[in-house]
Protein backbone atom coordinates (compact mmCIF):
# COMPACT_ATOMS: atom_id res chain seq x y z
CA MET A 1 0.00 0.00 0.00
CA VAL A 2 1.20 3.51 -0.76
CA SER A 3 1.84 5.44 2.41
CA ALA A 4 1.26 9.10 3.25
CA HIS A 5 3.42 11.63 5.04
CA PHE A 6 0.90 14.06 6.44
CA CYS A 7 1.56 15.29 9.97
CA PRO A 8 -0.52 17.17 12.57
CA ASN A 9 -1.25 20.90 12.70
CA LEU A 10 -3.06 21.75 9.49
CA GLN A 11 -5.86 24.27 9.94
CA PHE A 12 -8.39 23.85 7.13
CA LEU A 13 -10.13 26.86 5.64
CA PRO A 14 -13.94 26.76 5.82
CA ARG A 15 -15.50 25.59 2.56
CA ASP A 16 -17.45 28.81 2.11
CA SER A 17 -14.13 30.64 1.80
CA ALA A 18 -12.97 28.31 -0.94
CA GLY A 19 -13.88 28.54 -4.57
CA PRO A 20 -13.07 30.90 -7.41
CA ALA A 21 -15.05 33.94 -8.35
CA SER A 22 -17.92 33.97 -10.84
CA ARG A 23 -17.59 31.87 -13.95
CA GLN A 24 -17.85 35.07 -15.96
CA ARG A 25 -14.08 35.24 -15.48
CA GLY A 26 -13.28 32.30 -17.81
CA GLY A 27 -10.90 29.21 -18.03
CA VAL A 28 -9.60 26.08 -16.28
CA VAL A 29 -6.75 23.61 -16.46
CA ILE A 30 -6.21 19.96 -16.23
CA VAL A 31 -2.44 19.70 -16.15
CA SER A 32 0.90 21.33 -16.80
CA PHE A 33 4.17 19.71 -17.84
CA PHE A 34 6.70 22.32 -16.79
CA SER A 35 8.70 20.14 -14.41
CA LYS A 36 12.09 20.05 -16.09
CA ILE A 37 14.56 17.21 -16.35
CA THR A 38 17.29 19.01 -14.48
CA ARG A 39 19.38 16.06 -13.34
CA LYS A 40 21.15 14.21 -16.07
CA GLY A 41 20.44 10.53 -15.80
CA ASN A 42 17.82 10.88 -13.08
CA LEU A 43 14.95 9.04 -14.72
CA LEU A 44 12.68 9.26 -11.69
CA THR A 45 12.88 13.03 -11.79
CA ALA A 46 12.03 12.84 -15.46
CA MET A 47 9.04 10.65 -14.64
CA ARG A 48 7.59 12.90 -11.96
CA PRO A 49 5.49 15.07 -14.31
CA PHE A 50 3.76 11.99 -15.66
CA TRP A 51 2.73 10.77 -12.23
CA LEU A 52 1.18 14.15 -11.82
CA TRP A 53 -0.59 13.78 -15.15
CA LEU A 54 -2.05 10.66 -13.65
CA LEU A 55 -2.94 12.53 -10.53
CA CYS A 56 -4.76 14.87 -12.87
CA VAL A 57 -2.40 17.58 -11.85
CA HIS A 58 1.12 18.61 -12.30
CA PHE A 59 1.61 20.35 -8.93
CA ALA A 60 4.69 21.88 -10.41
CA MET A 61 4.96 24.19 -7.42
CA LEU A 62 7.30 21.49 -6.23
CA THR A 63 10.08 23.01 -8.28
CA PRO A 64 12.51 24.97 -6.09
CA VAL A 65 11.02 27.95 -4.27
CA SER A 66 13.03 30.89 -5.55
CA THR A 67 12.80 34.56 -6.22
CA VAL A 68 11.10 35.66 -9.39
CA ARG A 69 13.52 36.84 -12.05
CA ALA A 70 13.35 40.48 -13.04
CA ASP A 71 12.04 39.62 -16.50
CA GLU A 72 9.22 37.43 -15.15
CA LEU A 73 5.70 38.58 -14.44
CA LEU A 74 4.04 38.01 -11.09
CA ALA A 75 0.91 35.86 -11.09
CA ASP A 76 -1.38 38.88 -10.73
CA GLN A 77 0.33 40.64 -13.66
CA VAL A 78 -0.55 37.91 -16.13
CA ASP A 79 -3.06 39.09 -18.74
CA VAL A 80 -4.89 36.12 -20.26
CA THR A 81 -8.45 35.30 -21.24
CA THR A 82 -9.59 31.72 -21.68
CA PRO A 83 -12.99 30.20 -22.47
CA VAL A 84 -15.45 29.32 -19.74
CA TYR A 85 -16.19 25.60 -19.45
CA PHE A 86 -19.18 24.18 -17.63
CA PRO A 87 -19.54 20.52 -16.58
CA GLU A 88 -21.53 18.53 -19.12
CA LYS A 89 -24.16 15.96 -18.28
CA GLY A 90 -23.46 12.29 -18.64
CA HIS A 91 -20.45 11.89 -16.35
CA ASP A 92 -20.57 9.86 -13.13
CA PHE A 93 -17.19 9.93 -11.42
CA ARG A 94 -16.52 6.88 -9.30
CA GLU A 95 -15.68 7.12 -5.62
CA GLY A 96 -13.10 4.74 -4.28
CA ILE A 97 -9.42 3.88 -4.58
CA PHE A 98 -7.55 3.82 -7.89
CA ASN A 99 -4.13 2.16 -8.13
CA TYR A 100 -1.59 2.83 -10.87
CA GLU A 101 1.83 1.47 -11.73
CA VAL A 102 4.54 3.70 -13.20
CA SER A 103 7.23 2.09 -15.32
CA TRP A 104 10.15 3.22 -17.43
CA GLN A 105 10.93 1.08 -20.46
CA GLY A 106 8.87 -1.71 -18.88
CA ILE A 107 10.69 -1.54 -15.53
CA HIS A 108 8.41 -0.96 -12.53
CA ALA A 109 9.55 2.19 -10.74
CA ALA A 110 6.73 3.65 -8.63
CA ASP A 111 3.15 3.26 -7.41
CA VAL A 112 0.31 5.75 -7.22
CA GLU A 113 -2.86 5.55 -5.15
CA ILE A 114 -5.75 8.00 -5.62
CA THR A 115 -8.68 8.05 -3.21
CA VAL A 116 -11.84 9.92 -4.20
CA ARG A 117 -14.71 10.49 -1.79
CA ARG A 118 -17.81 12.64 -2.07
CA LYS A 119 -19.11 14.23 1.11
CA SER A 120 -22.34 16.11 0.46
CA GLU A 121 -21.43 18.86 -2.04
CA ILE A 122 -17.66 18.35 -1.84
CA TYR A 123 -15.22 15.91 -3.40
CA GLU A 124 -12.24 15.02 -1.24
CA VAL A 125 -9.26 13.68 -3.16
CA PHE A 126 -6.18 12.15 -1.58
CA ILE A 127 -3.16 11.12 -3.67
CA ALA A 128 0.00 9.29 -2.64
CA VAL A 129 3.01 8.44 -4.81
CA GLU A 130 6.08 6.48 -3.82
CA THR A 131 9.03 4.91 -5.56
CA ASN A 132 9.53 1.20 -4.97
CA SER A 133 12.23 -0.28 -2.75
CA PHE A 134 14.66 -0.89 -5.62
CA VAL A 135 14.45 2.66 -6.91
CA ASP A 136 14.63 4.03 -3.34
CA VAL A 137 18.29 3.01 -3.27
CA PHE A 138 19.03 5.60 -5.97
CA TYR A 139 16.20 8.08 -5.66
CA LYS A 140 13.54 8.09 -2.94
CA LEU A 141 10.29 9.97 -3.49
CA ARG A 142 7.25 10.19 -1.23
CA TYR A 143 4.55 12.51 -2.50
CA SER A 144 1.17 13.28 -0.90
CA VAL A 145 -1.65 15.56 -2.00
CA LEU A 146 -5.02 16.45 -0.48
CA GLY A 147 -7.59 18.61 -2.24
CA THR A 148 -11.24 19.63 -1.89
CA ILE A 149 -13.44 20.42 -4.89
CA ALA A 150 -17.05 21.57 -5.25
CA ALA A 151 -19.09 18.64 -6.56
CA ASP A 152 -21.45 20.72 -8.71
CA ASP A 153 -19.02 22.75 -10.82
CA PHE A 154 -15.57 21.45 -9.73
CA THR A 155 -14.36 24.80 -8.44
CA PRO A 156 -11.43 24.51 -6.02
CA GLY A 157 -11.30 24.81 -2.28
CA ILE A 158 -7.89 23.95 -0.86
CA LEU A 159 -4.90 22.04 -2.15
CA LEU A 160 -2.18 20.70 0.17
CA ILE A 161 1.05 19.08 -0.96
CA ASP A 162 3.88 17.33 0.83
CA GLN A 163 6.85 16.07 -1.19
CA ARG A 164 9.85 14.27 0.28
CA GLU A 165 12.56 13.81 -2.31
CA ASN A 166 15.64 12.18 -0.81
CA SER A 167 16.64 14.65 1.95
CA ARG A 168 14.59 17.56 0.60
CA VAL A 169 11.11 18.39 1.84
CA THR A 170 8.81 20.66 -0.16
CA LYS A 171 5.38 21.72 1.07
CA ALA A 172 2.67 23.84 -0.46
CA SER A 173 -0.84 25.01 0.31
CA LEU A 174 -3.31 26.85 -1.93
CA ALA A 175 -6.68 28.40 -1.12
CA PHE A 176 -9.24 29.88 -3.51
CA ALA A 177 -11.96 32.30 -2.33
CA ASP A 178 -15.31 33.12 -3.90
CA ASP A 179 -14.28 36.71 -4.61
CA GLY A 180 -11.37 35.62 -6.84
CA ARG A 181 -8.69 35.86 -4.19
CA ILE A 182 -5.98 33.20 -4.50
CA ARG A 183 -3.44 32.51 -1.77
CA SER A 184 -0.54 30.10 -1.61
CA GLU A 185 2.36 29.28 0.67
CA LEU A 186 5.44 27.37 -0.48
CA SER A 187 8.36 26.08 1.55
CA LYS A 188 11.43 24.05 0.66
CA LYS A 189 13.73 22.49 3.20
CA LYS A 190 17.11 20.98 2.41
CA ASP A 191 20.60 20.74 3.88
CA SER A 192 21.49 24.28 2.81
CA GLY A 193 18.53 25.75 4.70
CA ASN A 194 14.86 26.66 4.34
CA ARG A 195 13.02 28.86 1.84
CA PHE A 196 9.53 30.20 2.27
CA ARG A 197 7.34 32.24 -0.08
CA GLU A 198 3.77 33.53 -0.04
CA TYR A 199 1.51 34.64 -2.89
CA ASP A 200 -1.76 36.55 -2.44
CA PHE A 201 -3.54 38.05 -5.44
CA TYR A 202 -6.80 38.43 -7.34
CA SER A 203 -7.10 36.88 -10.79
CA ASN A 204 -8.98 38.70 -13.54
CA ASN A 205 -9.50 35.39 -15.32
CA PHE A 206 -11.21 32.20 -14.17
CA THR A 207 -8.10 30.56 -12.73
CA LEU A 208 -8.15 27.16 -11.03
CA GLU A 209 -5.60 24.77 -9.60
CA PRO A 210 -4.77 21.48 -11.34
CA LEU A 211 -6.85 19.05 -9.31
CA SER A 212 -10.17 20.85 -9.66
CA ALA A 213 -9.42 21.59 -13.30
CA ALA A 214 -8.78 17.91 -13.95
CA PHE A 215 -12.23 17.02 -12.68
CA LEU A 216 -13.82 19.71 -14.81
CA ALA A 217 -11.91 18.67 -17.92
CA ARG A 218 -12.92 15.05 -17.41
CA SER A 219 -16.56 16.13 -17.22
CA LEU A 220 -16.38 17.56 -20.75
CA ASP A 221 -17.10 15.62 -23.92
CA TRP A 222 -14.18 15.21 -26.32
CA ALA A 223 -13.85 14.19 -29.95
CA PRO A 224 -10.99 14.10 -32.46
CA GLY A 225 -10.02 17.65 -33.36
CA VAL A 226 -11.49 19.28 -30.24
CA GLU A 227 -8.99 21.53 -28.50
CA ARG A 228 -9.44 23.48 -25.26
CA THR A 229 -7.25 25.96 -23.43
CA PHE A 230 -7.02 26.47 -19.67
CA ASP A 231 -5.50 28.95 -17.24
CA THR A 232 -4.04 27.42 -14.07
CA PHE A 233 -2.11 28.55 -11.01
CA ASP A 234 0.22 26.01 -9.43
CA GLY A 235 1.09 27.94 -6.30
CA LYS A 236 3.81 30.02 -7.89
CA SER A 237 3.22 30.50 -11.63
CA ARG A 238 0.37 30.55 -14.11
CA TYR A 239 0.29 28.37 -17.20
CA LEU A 240 -1.77 28.29 -20.35
CA ILE A 241 -2.50 24.66 -21.16
CA SER A 242 -3.84 23.44 -24.47
CA LEU A 243 -5.39 19.97 -24.63
CA LYS A 244 -6.19 18.47 -28.01
CA CYS A 245 -8.08 15.25 -28.61
CA THR A 246 -6.22 13.49 -31.41
CA GLU A 247 -8.22 10.29 -31.75
CA GLU A 248 -10.92 8.03 -30.36
CA ARG A 249 -10.10 4.35 -30.11
CA TRP A 250 -10.68 1.11 -28.22
CA MET A 251 -8.36 -0.20 -25.50
CA LYS A 252 -8.38 -3.57 -23.84
CA VAL A 253 -8.18 -3.29 -20.06
CA GLY A 254 -8.64 -6.20 -17.70
CA GLY A 255 -9.95 -8.36 -20.52
CA LYS A 256 -12.57 -5.78 -21.49
CA LYS A 257 -12.62 -3.30 -24.36
CA ARG A 258 -13.21 0.32 -23.44
CA ARG A 259 -13.58 3.29 -25.77
CA VAL A 260 -11.10 6.07 -24.98
CA TRP A 261 -10.22 9.60 -25.98
CA VAL A 262 -6.53 10.24 -26.61
CA VAL A 263 -5.57 13.75 -25.50
CA GLU A 264 -2.22 15.50 -26.10
CA PRO A 265 -1.00 18.62 -24.22
CA SER A 266 1.04 21.75 -24.89
CA VAL A 267 1.99 24.40 -22.33
CA ILE A 268 3.01 28.05 -22.04
CA ASN A 269 4.50 29.56 -18.88
CA LEU A 270 2.61 32.85 -18.69
CA ASN A 271 4.86 34.29 -16.00
CA LYS A 272 7.88 33.86 -18.26
CA GLN A 273 5.93 35.07 -21.32
CA GLU A 274 7.38 32.19 -23.31
CA LYS A 275 6.16 30.89 -26.64
CA ALA A 276 4.07 27.77 -27.03
CA LYS A 277 6.03 24.55 -27.16
CA LYS A 278 5.02 21.01 -27.89
CA LEU A 279 5.68 18.51 -25.17
CA ARG A 280 7.57 15.27 -25.71
CA ARG A 281 4.91 13.06 -27.30
CA ALA A 282 2.72 12.76 -24.24
CA ALA A 283 -0.72 11.18 -24.42
CA LEU A 284 -3.48 10.78 -21.87
CA TYR A 285 -6.07 7.99 -22.36
CA VAL A 286 -9.46 8.77 -20.79
CA THR A 287 -12.50 6.51 -21.08
CA ALA A 288 -15.30 7.91 -23.24
CA ASP A 289 -17.99 6.54 -20.92
CA LYS A 290 -19.69 8.12 -17.91
CA TYR A 291 -16.80 7.27 -15.58
CA ARG A 292 -14.08 9.16 -17.51
CA ASP A 293 -11.41 7.00 -15.88
CA ILE A 294 -7.76 7.69 -16.71
CA LEU A 295 -6.54 4.33 -18.01
CA GLN A 296 -3.05 5.13 -19.19
CA ILE A 297 -0.49 7.87 -19.69
CA THR A 298 2.46 7.51 -22.02
CA SER A 299 5.28 9.92 -22.71
CA GLU A 300 8.74 10.11 -24.08
CA VAL A 301 11.22 11.49 -21.57
CA PHE A 302 14.89 12.45 -21.70
CA VAL A 303 15.76 8.80 -22.19
CA GLY A 304 13.13 6.23 -23.16
CA ARG A 305 9.42 6.19 -22.41
CA VAL A 306 7.39 6.35 -19.22
CA THR A 307 4.08 4.48 -19.01
CA THR A 308 1.54 4.81 -16.22
CA LYS A 309 -1.29 2.26 -16.16
CA LEU A 310 -4.39 1.74 -14.10
CA THR A 311 -3.92 -1.58 -12.30
CA GLY A 312 -6.82 -1.69 -9.88
CA TYR A 313 -9.95 -0.05 -8.52
CA ARG A 314 -12.03 -0.77 -5.44
CA PRO A 315 -15.08 1.20 -4.35
CA ALA A 316 -14.62 0.78 -0.61
CA LEU A 317 -12.84 3.57 1.24
CA GLU A 318 -10.57 2.22 3.91
CA LYS A 319 -10.58 5.30 6.11
CA PRO A 320 -12.04 8.83 6.15
CA LEU A 321 -9.83 11.34 4.39
CA GLN A 322 -9.89 13.62 7.42
CA LEU A 323 -7.61 11.16 9.18
CA VAL A 324 -4.93 11.33 6.50
CA ALA A 325 -5.30 15.06 5.95
CA ARG A 326 -3.36 16.14 9.02
CA ARG A 327 -0.08 17.70 8.02
CA THR A 328 2.18 20.62 8.84
CA ALA A 329 1.75 23.90 7.01
CA PRO A 330 4.59 25.17 4.82
CA GLU A 331 7.49 25.99 7.09
CA ARG A 332 8.76 29.52 7.43
CA SER A 333 12.49 29.98 7.60
């Protein structure tokens, strides 16, 4: 079983303080691939963005917490307008526990467990990722995420992240308010010391975080040729994500054939004002039925290919998410 690393002390924001401003402000995101392969030969680092694809997020706030370069915009300085997307009828997201296996060139490297639970008008989502014992010898990753999402329109509440990468600990928390206010805290702890940063701004566009955006994007109907753009804030930067459905096909999973949409992404870092760039042949396979399950993610990386596959699902929840949601807030230096 994938373990979590949440600790006591977290003070949750009340749900009525969580959620973006009116949908008249436009746009949403499912994912962002801006995590860079910065360590030559470190395949697990290269694989991290694709776990997050699976998690329906990128949570790229887990890149080092640093000062913004002089030529970069702040999140509230970004000027972007994206379409407004509303959930479509016909979806019925399953509650329960989803298990995935991450492999590189056919070699098992990590496991992912996603728990989804609906409580009244809120979805609670808990995600845990960990490298296996063999990979731990070279690169040890323990990654936990907790998020709350409105069940009717998938607007965000809070998002909490705890990443333990070898000796480094990175933590993040995001909160979205009904009036458009977005707040985040980021901290990174390593041998050289601690870094802490806060962001507090109002977006003039309909800006979500990755987890809530993933649910919204899954609720939409796709077809070959359909392309949608989304504005997302990851805790530090804003990204313009384009998702294009390239084909509809059948996949055999667990001895059964399921019809899937194949979706490919591209990304622009709006803070850096960079040009659009195509990602390394990444593809997300989502079932074209009412469940909209993510069956598989494939992508070329610096060396080889990473594949993430759904290996199991069980409807029973083993424990309330409140019990695994306790964790420390981002640490101030």
